[in-house]
C-alpha atoms as a PDB file:
ATOM      1  CA  MET A   1     276.063  16.205 239.471  1.00  0.00           C
ATOM      2  CA  ILE A   2     272.333  16.827 239.134  1.00  0.00           C
ATOM      3  CA  ALA A   3     271.458  19.368 241.858  1.00  0.00           C
ATOM      4  CA  LYS A   4     267.875  20.324 240.979  1.00  0.00           C
ATOM      5  CA  LEU A   5     265.066  19.266 238.644  1.00  0.00           C
ATOM      6  CA  LYS A   6     262.299  21.586 237.454  1.00  0.00           C
ATOM      7  CA  GLY A   7     259.605  20.139 235.248  1.00  0.00           C
ATOM      8  CA  LEU A   8     256.243  18.376 235.251  1.00  0.00           C
ATOM      9  CA  LEU A   9     255.203  15.658 237.675  1.00  0.00           C
ATOM     10  CA  ASP A  10     254.665  12.617 235.466  1.00  0.00           C
ATOM     11  CA  ASP A  11     253.877   9.817 237.933  1.00  0.00           C
ATOM     12  CA  THR A  12     254.310   8.844 241.594  1.00  0.00           C
ATOM     13  CA  GLY A  13     254.561   5.689 243.685  1.00  0.00           C
ATOM     14  CA  ALA A  14     254.962   4.796 247.350  1.00  0.00           C
ATOM     15  CA  ASP A  15     258.443   6.305 247.624  1.00  0.00           C
ATOM     16  CA  TRP A  16     259.261   7.708 244.193  1.00  0.00           C
ATOM     17  CA  ALA A  17     258.228  10.215 241.555  1.00  0.00           C
ATOM     18  CA  VAL A  18     258.981  10.665 237.867  1.00  0.00           C
ATOM     19  CA  ILE A  19     259.747  14.261 236.906  1.00  0.00           C
ATOM     20  CA  ASP A  20     259.501  15.096 233.195  1.00  0.00           C
ATOM     21  CA  VAL A  21     262.162  17.655 232.308  1.00  0.00           C
ATOM     22  CA  GLY A  22     262.039  18.562 228.620  1.00  0.00           C
ATOM     23  CA  GLY A  23     260.752  15.126 227.626  1.00  0.00           C
ATOM     24  CA  VAL A  24     263.213  13.183 229.795  1.00  0.00           C
ATOM     25  CA  GLY A  25     261.692  11.363 232.778  1.00  0.00           C
ATOM     26  CA  TYR A  26     263.854  11.335 235.915  1.00  0.00           C
ATOM     27  CA  LEU A  27     263.002   8.721 238.565  1.00  0.00           C
ATOM     28  CA  VAL A  28     263.625  10.265 241.995  1.00  0.00           C
ATOM     29  CA  HIS A  29     263.216   8.531 245.348  1.00  0.00           C
ATOM     30  CA  CYS A  30     261.515  10.818 247.870  1.00  0.00           C
ATOM     31  CA  SER A  31     260.284  11.042 251.451  1.00  0.00           C
ATOM     32  CA  SER A  32     256.516  10.949 251.904  1.00  0.00           C
ATOM     33  CA  ARG A  33     256.618  14.637 252.854  1.00  0.00           C
ATOM     34  CA  THR A  34     258.293  15.563 249.569  1.00  0.00           C
ATOM     35  CA  LEU A  35     255.871  13.408 247.579  1.00  0.00           C
ATOM     36  CA  ALA A  36     252.926  15.141 249.264  1.00  0.00           C
ATOM     37  CA  SER A  37     254.345  18.546 248.322  1.00  0.00           C
ATOM     38  CA  LEU A  38     254.764  17.813 244.613  1.00  0.00           C
ATOM     39  CA  GLY A  39     251.111  18.196 243.656  1.00  0.00           C
ATOM     40  CA  GLU A  40     249.179  16.235 241.037  1.00  0.00           C
ATOM     41  CA  PRO A  41     250.498  14.573 237.853  1.00  0.00           C
ATOM     42  CA  GLY A  42     250.793  17.127 235.065  1.00  0.00           C
ATOM     43  CA  GLU A  43     251.548  19.987 237.435  1.00  0.00           C
ATOM     44  CA  GLY A  44     254.855  21.827 237.521  1.00  0.00           C
ATOM     45  CA  CYS A  45     257.235  20.997 240.348  1.00  0.00           C
ATOM     46  CA  THR A  46     260.794  21.506 241.542  1.00  0.00           C
ATOM     47  CA  VAL A  47     262.888  19.048 243.536  1.00  0.00           C
ATOM     48  CA  TYR A  48     266.381  19.434 244.947  1.00  0.00           C
ATOM     49  CA  THR A  49     268.362  16.291 244.278  1.00  0.00           C
ATOM     50  CA  ASP A  50     271.260  14.199 245.477  1.00  0.00           C
ATOM     51  CA  LEU A  51     272.839  11.536 243.257  1.00  0.00           C
ATOM     52  CA  GLN A  52     274.107   8.428 245.034  1.00  0.00           C
ATOM     53  CA  VAL A  53     276.403   6.080 243.127  1.00  0.00           C
ATOM     54  CA  SER A  54     277.445   2.653 244.385  1.00  0.00           C
ATOM     55  CA  GLU A  55     279.169  -0.291 242.691  1.00  0.00           C
ATOM     56  CA  ASN A  56     275.945  -1.649 241.210  1.00  0.00           C
ATOM     57  CA  ASP A  57     273.417   1.156 241.484  1.00  0.00           C
ATOM     58  CA  MET A  58     272.775   4.814 240.683  1.00  0.00           C
ATOM     59  CA  ARG A  59     269.967   6.453 242.608  1.00  0.00           C
ATOM     60  CA  LEU A  60     268.582   9.979 242.374  1.00  0.00           C
ATOM     61  CA  LEU A  61     267.018  11.275 245.596  1.00  0.00           C
ATOM     62  CA  GLY A  62     264.557  14.169 245.496  1.00  0.00           C
ATOM     63  CA  PHE A  63     263.690  16.723 248.187  1.00  0.00           C
ATOM     64  CA  ALA A  64     261.122  19.483 248.539  1.00  0.00           C
ATOM     65  CA  ASP A  65     263.727  21.987 249.730  1.00  0.00           C
ATOM     66  CA  ALA A  66     267.439  22.391 250.229  1.00  0.00           C
ATOM     67  CA  ALA A  67     267.150  21.962 254.009  1.00  0.00           C
ATOM     68  CA  GLU A  68     265.704  18.463 253.614  1.00  0.00           C
ATOM     69  CA  ARG A  69     268.486  17.554 251.176  1.00  0.00           C
ATOM     70  CA  ASP A  70     271.129  18.895 253.560  1.00  0.00           C
ATOM     71  CA  TRP A  71     269.711  16.838 256.420  1.00  0.00           C
ATOM     72  CA  PHE A  72     269.586  13.749 254.190  1.00  0.00           C
ATOM     73  CA  ARG A  73     273.292  14.170 253.435  1.00  0.00           C
ATOM     74  CA  LEU A  74     274.071  14.630 257.109  1.00  0.00           C
ATOM     75  CA  LEU A  75     272.016  11.600 258.181  1.00  0.00           C
ATOM     76  CA  THR A  76     273.661   9.323 255.625  1.00  0.00           C
ATOM     77  CA  GLN A  77     277.078  10.190 257.083  1.00  0.00           C
ATOM     78  CA  VAL A  78     276.088   8.250 260.215  1.00  0.00           C
ATOM     79  CA  GLN A  79     277.193   4.610 260.156  1.00  0.00           C
ATOM     80  CA  GLY A  80     274.211   2.345 259.531  1.00  0.00           C
ATOM     81  CA  VAL A  81     272.079   5.043 257.912  1.00  0.00           C
ATOM     82  CA  GLY A  82     271.553   4.426 254.202  1.00  0.00           C
ATOM     83  CA  SER A  83     269.311   6.349 251.835  1.00  0.00           C
ATOM     84  CA  LYS A  84     266.194   4.301 252.746  1.00  0.00           C
ATOM     85  CA  VAL A  85     266.613   4.900 256.474  1.00  0.00           C
ATOM     86  CA  ALA A  86     267.345   8.601 255.959  1.00  0.00           C
ATOM     87  CA  LEU A  87     264.201   8.983 253.818  1.00  0.00           C
ATOM     88  CA  ALA A  88     262.183   7.100 256.457  1.00  0.00           C
ATOM     89  CA  ILE A  89     263.378   9.560 259.107  1.00  0.00           C
ATOM     90  CA  LEU A  90     262.529  12.532 256.888  1.00  0.00           C
ATOM     91  CA  SER A  91     259.116  10.987 256.201  1.00  0.00           C
ATOM     92  CA  ALA A  92     258.361  10.621 259.919  1.00  0.00           C
ATOM     93  CA  LEU A  93     259.815  13.952 261.052  1.00  0.00           C
ATOM     94  CA  THR A  94     260.135  17.441 259.629  1.00  0.00           C
ATOM     95  CA  THR A  95     263.663  18.824 259.299  1.00  0.00           C
ATOM     96  CA  GLY A  96     262.886  21.052 262.281  1.00  0.00           C
ATOM     97  CA  GLU A  97     261.902  18.025 264.363  1.00  0.00           C
ATOM     98  CA  VAL A  98     265.067  16.147 263.323  1.00  0.00           C
ATOM     99  CA  GLN A  99     267.148  19.170 264.321  1.00  0.00           C
ATOM    100  CA  GLN A 100     265.318  19.447 267.657  1.00  0.00           C
ATOM    101  CA  ALA A 101     265.679  15.717 268.371  1.00  0.00           C
ATOM    102  CA  CYS A 102     269.418  15.781 267.682  1.00  0.00           C
ATOM    103  CA  ALA A 103     270.003  19.000 269.650  1.00  0.00           C
ATOM    104  CA  GLN A 104     268.133  17.620 272.670  1.00  0.00           C
ATOM    105  CA  GLY A 105     269.451  14.058 272.389  1.00  0.00           C
ATOM    106  CA  ASP A 106     265.897  12.749 271.937  1.00  0.00           C
ATOM    107  CA  ALA A 107     266.542   9.327 270.418  1.00  0.00           C
ATOM    108  CA  ALA A 108     262.924   8.255 271.018  1.00  0.00           C
ATOM    109  CA  MET A 109     261.709  10.895 268.557  1.00  0.00           C
ATOM    110  CA  VAL A 110     264.072   9.631 265.831  1.00  0.00           C
ATOM    111  CA  ALA A 111     263.087   6.017 266.605  1.00  0.00           C
ATOM    112  CA  ARG A 112     259.530   6.831 265.461  1.00  0.00           C
ATOM    113  CA  ALA A 113     260.751   6.368 261.873  1.00  0.00           C
ATOM    114  CA  ASN A 114     260.239   2.974 260.236  1.00  0.00           C
ATOM    115  CA  GLY A 115     263.349   0.791 260.406  1.00  0.00           C
ATOM    116  CA  VAL A 116     265.083   2.881 263.079  1.00  0.00           C
ATOM    117  CA  GLY A 117     265.690   1.000 266.322  1.00  0.00           C
ATOM    118  CA  PRO A 118     266.696   2.561 269.662  1.00  0.00           C
ATOM    119  CA  LYS A 119     270.391   1.775 269.164  1.00  0.00           C
ATOM    120  CA  LEU A 120     270.593   3.422 265.739  1.00  0.00           C
ATOM    121  CA  ALA A 121     268.473   6.366 266.896  1.00  0.00           C
ATOM    122  CA  GLY A 122     270.886   6.879 269.799  1.00  0.00           C
ATOM    123  CA  ARG A 123     273.876   6.848 267.446  1.00  0.00           C
ATOM    124  CA  ILE A 124     272.194   9.389 265.146  1.00  0.00           C
ATOM    125  CA  VAL A 125     271.443  11.925 267.877  1.00  0.00           C
ATOM    126  CA  ASN A 126     274.877  11.458 269.475  1.00  0.00           C
ATOM    127  CA  GLU A 127     276.793  11.956 266.223  1.00  0.00           C
ATOM    128  CA  LEU A 128     274.678  14.859 264.975  1.00  0.00           C
ATOM    129  CA  LYS A 129     274.136  16.680 268.258  1.00  0.00           C
ATOM    130  CA  ASP A 130     276.808  19.308 267.624  1.00  0.00           C
ATOM    131  CA  LYS A 131     275.584  19.827 264.069  1.00  0.00           C
ATOM    132  CA  ALA A 132     272.004  20.547 265.117  1.00  0.00           C
ATOM    133  CA  GLY A 133     272.362  24.089 266.387  1.00  0.00           C
ATOM    134  CA  ALA A 134     273.781  23.151 269.795  1.00  0.00           C
ATOM    135  CA  LEU A 135     277.134  24.770 269.044  1.00  0.00           C
ATOM    136  CA  PRO A 136     278.074  27.983 270.819  1.00  0.00           C
ATOM    137  CA  ALA A 137     278.416  31.051 268.644  1.00  0.00           C
ATOM    138  CA  GLY A 138     282.084  31.499 267.849  1.00  0.00           C
ATOM    139  CA  PRO A 139     283.990  34.620 266.854  1.00  0.00           C
ATOM    140  CA  GLY A 140     282.580  34.799 263.367  1.00  0.00           C
ATOM    141  CA  GLY A 141     282.457  38.509 262.571  1.00  0.00           C
ATOM    142  CA  ALA A 142     285.690  38.606 260.599  1.00  0.00           C
ATOM    143  CA  ALA A 143     284.913  35.327 258.878  1.00  0.00           C
ATOM    144  CA  MET A 144     281.470  36.527 257.831  1.00  0.00           C
ATOM    145  CA  ALA A 145     282.999  39.627 256.277  1.00  0.00           C
ATOM    146  CA  ALA A 146     285.325  37.384 254.266  1.00  0.00           C
ATOM    147  CA  ILE A 147     282.448  35.471 252.640  1.00  0.00           C
ATOM    148  CA  PRO A 148     281.431  37.168 249.378  1.00  0.00           C
ATOM    149  CA  ALA A 149     277.763  37.374 248.472  1.00  0.00           C
ATOM    150  CA  GLY A 150     276.836  34.674 245.986  1.00  0.00           C
ATOM    151  CA  GLY A 151     279.137  31.894 244.826  1.00  0.00           C
ATOM    152  CA  ALA A 152     280.117  28.559 246.346  1.00  0.00           C
ATOM    153  CA  SER A 153     281.186  29.937 249.732  1.00  0.00           C
ATOM    154  CA  ALA A 154     277.910  31.789 250.300  1.00  0.00           C
ATOM    155  CA  ASP A 155     275.980  28.677 249.244  1.00  0.00           C
ATOM    156  CA  ALA A 156     278.039  26.591 251.669  1.00  0.00           C
ATOM    157  CA  VAL A 157     277.263  28.995 254.529  1.00  0.00           C
ATOM    158  CA  SER A 158     273.574  28.796 253.648  1.00  0.00           C
ATOM    159  CA  ALA A 159     273.731  24.986 253.613  1.00  0.00           C
ATOM    160  CA  LEU A 160     275.296  24.902 257.092  1.00  0.00           C
ATOM    161  CA  GLU A 161     272.668  27.320 258.378  1.00  0.00           C
ATOM    162  CA  ASN A 162     269.973  25.035 256.968  1.00  0.00           C
ATOM    163  CA  LEU A 163     271.521  22.218 259.003  1.00  0.00           C
ATOM    164  CA  GLY A 164     271.054  24.277 262.144  1.00  0.00           C
ATOM    165  CA  PHE A 165     274.418  25.958 262.603  1.00  0.00           C
ATOM    166  CA  LYS A 166     274.298  29.531 263.833  1.00  0.00           C
ATOM    167  CA  PRO A 167     275.292  32.068 261.120  1.00  0.00           C
ATOM    168  CA  ALA A 168     278.537  33.053 262.865  1.00  0.00           C
ATOM    169  CA  VAL A 169     279.576  29.416 263.302  1.00  0.00           C
ATOM    170  CA  ALA A 170     278.683  28.563 259.690  1.00  0.00           C
ATOM    171  CA  ALA A 171     280.567  31.560 258.273  1.00  0.00           C
ATOM    172  CA  ARG A 172     283.643  30.877 260.389  1.00  0.00           C
ATOM    173  CA  ALA A 173     283.722  27.198 259.390  1.00  0.00           C
ATOM    174  CA  VAL A 174     283.353  27.991 255.673  1.00  0.00           C
ATOM    175  CA  ALA A 175     286.049  30.672 255.895  1.00  0.00           C
ATOM    176  CA  LEU A 176     288.402  28.121 257.462  1.00  0.00           C
ATOM    177  CA  ALA A 177     287.490  25.582 254.766  1.00  0.00           C
ATOM    178  CA  GLN A 178     288.089  28.148 252.020  1.00  0.00           C
ATOM    179  CA  GLY A 179     291.488  28.981 253.466  1.00  0.00           C
ATOM    180  CA  GLU A 180     292.380  25.294 253.461  1.00  0.00           C
ATOM    181  CA  LEU A 181     291.012  24.445 249.998  1.00  0.00           C
ATOM    182  CA  GLY A 182     291.722  27.677 248.119  1.00  0.00           C
ATOM    183  CA  GLU A 183     289.550  30.127 246.199  1.00  0.00           C
ATOM    184  CA  GLY A 184     288.513  27.673 243.493  1.00  0.00           C
ATOM    185  CA  ALA A 185     286.879  25.170 245.874  1.00  0.00           C
ATOM    186  CA  GLY A 186     283.396  23.976 244.975  1.00  0.00           C
ATOM    187  CA  GLU A 187     280.333  24.098 247.238  1.00  0.00           C
ATOM    188  CA  GLY A 188     280.426  20.365 248.028  1.00  0.00           C
ATOM    189  CA  GLU A 189     284.092  20.434 249.063  1.00  0.00           C
ATOM    190  CA  LEU A 190     283.546  23.527 251.194  1.00  0.00           C
ATOM    191  CA  ILE A 191     280.558  21.976 252.978  1.00  0.00           C
ATOM    192  CA  ARG A 192     282.441  18.728 253.659  1.00  0.00           C
ATOM    193  CA  VAL A 193     285.479  20.458 255.174  1.00  0.00           C
ATOM    194  CA  ALA A 194     283.403  23.137 256.946  1.00  0.00           C
ATOM    195  CA  LEU A 195     281.330  20.455 258.695  1.00  0.00           C
ATOM    196  CA  LYS A 196     284.534  19.007 260.139  1.00  0.00           C
ATOM    197  CA  ARG A 197     285.751  22.442 261.229  1.00  0.00           C
ATOM    198  CA  ALA A 198     282.409  23.402 262.764  1.00  0.00           C
ATOM    199  CA  SER A 199     282.138  20.188 264.776  1.00  0.00           C
ATOM    200  CA  GLY A 200     285.810  19.947 265.662  1.00  0.00           C
END
């Protein structure tokens, strides 16, 4: 999977950019905040990416930082939230504001995004409340010691922290996921299982 692109900004549109990486132009769909951060055509830029594949489409999504990408992935897990809606939310709100809205159950803040009605906004904050830093700190000391520096497990802990989990909770959840999946588990698998453990 393509995780990151580093190259020159070739062109931009209302919700997309073309990044030239070694002569190959990648079309990435972005939030307005990410587009604003990329600079001018011809300048160097870096975007974190997520590749979405459906039956009749392949779409590369681009983000200014890993936290925005992590929130995009979390938002699209909510029923009724596709990539367009998730990008609209991340265009209207910073990742910090999304986290705050979910933690406080503030559906009205999420409903400021284009295409997000009160019902969907309510579902988003309800489903993501526990994943937005509202979890109590668990007994994570031993788990944190079990996470080696660098590697997939450390990256998974970092990803959960970017989503708003407290370090102890993130480390404990990833340690549980690693125990379930085994030492060779990749970052994506660890994050998926750790999210379930952290919110369970």
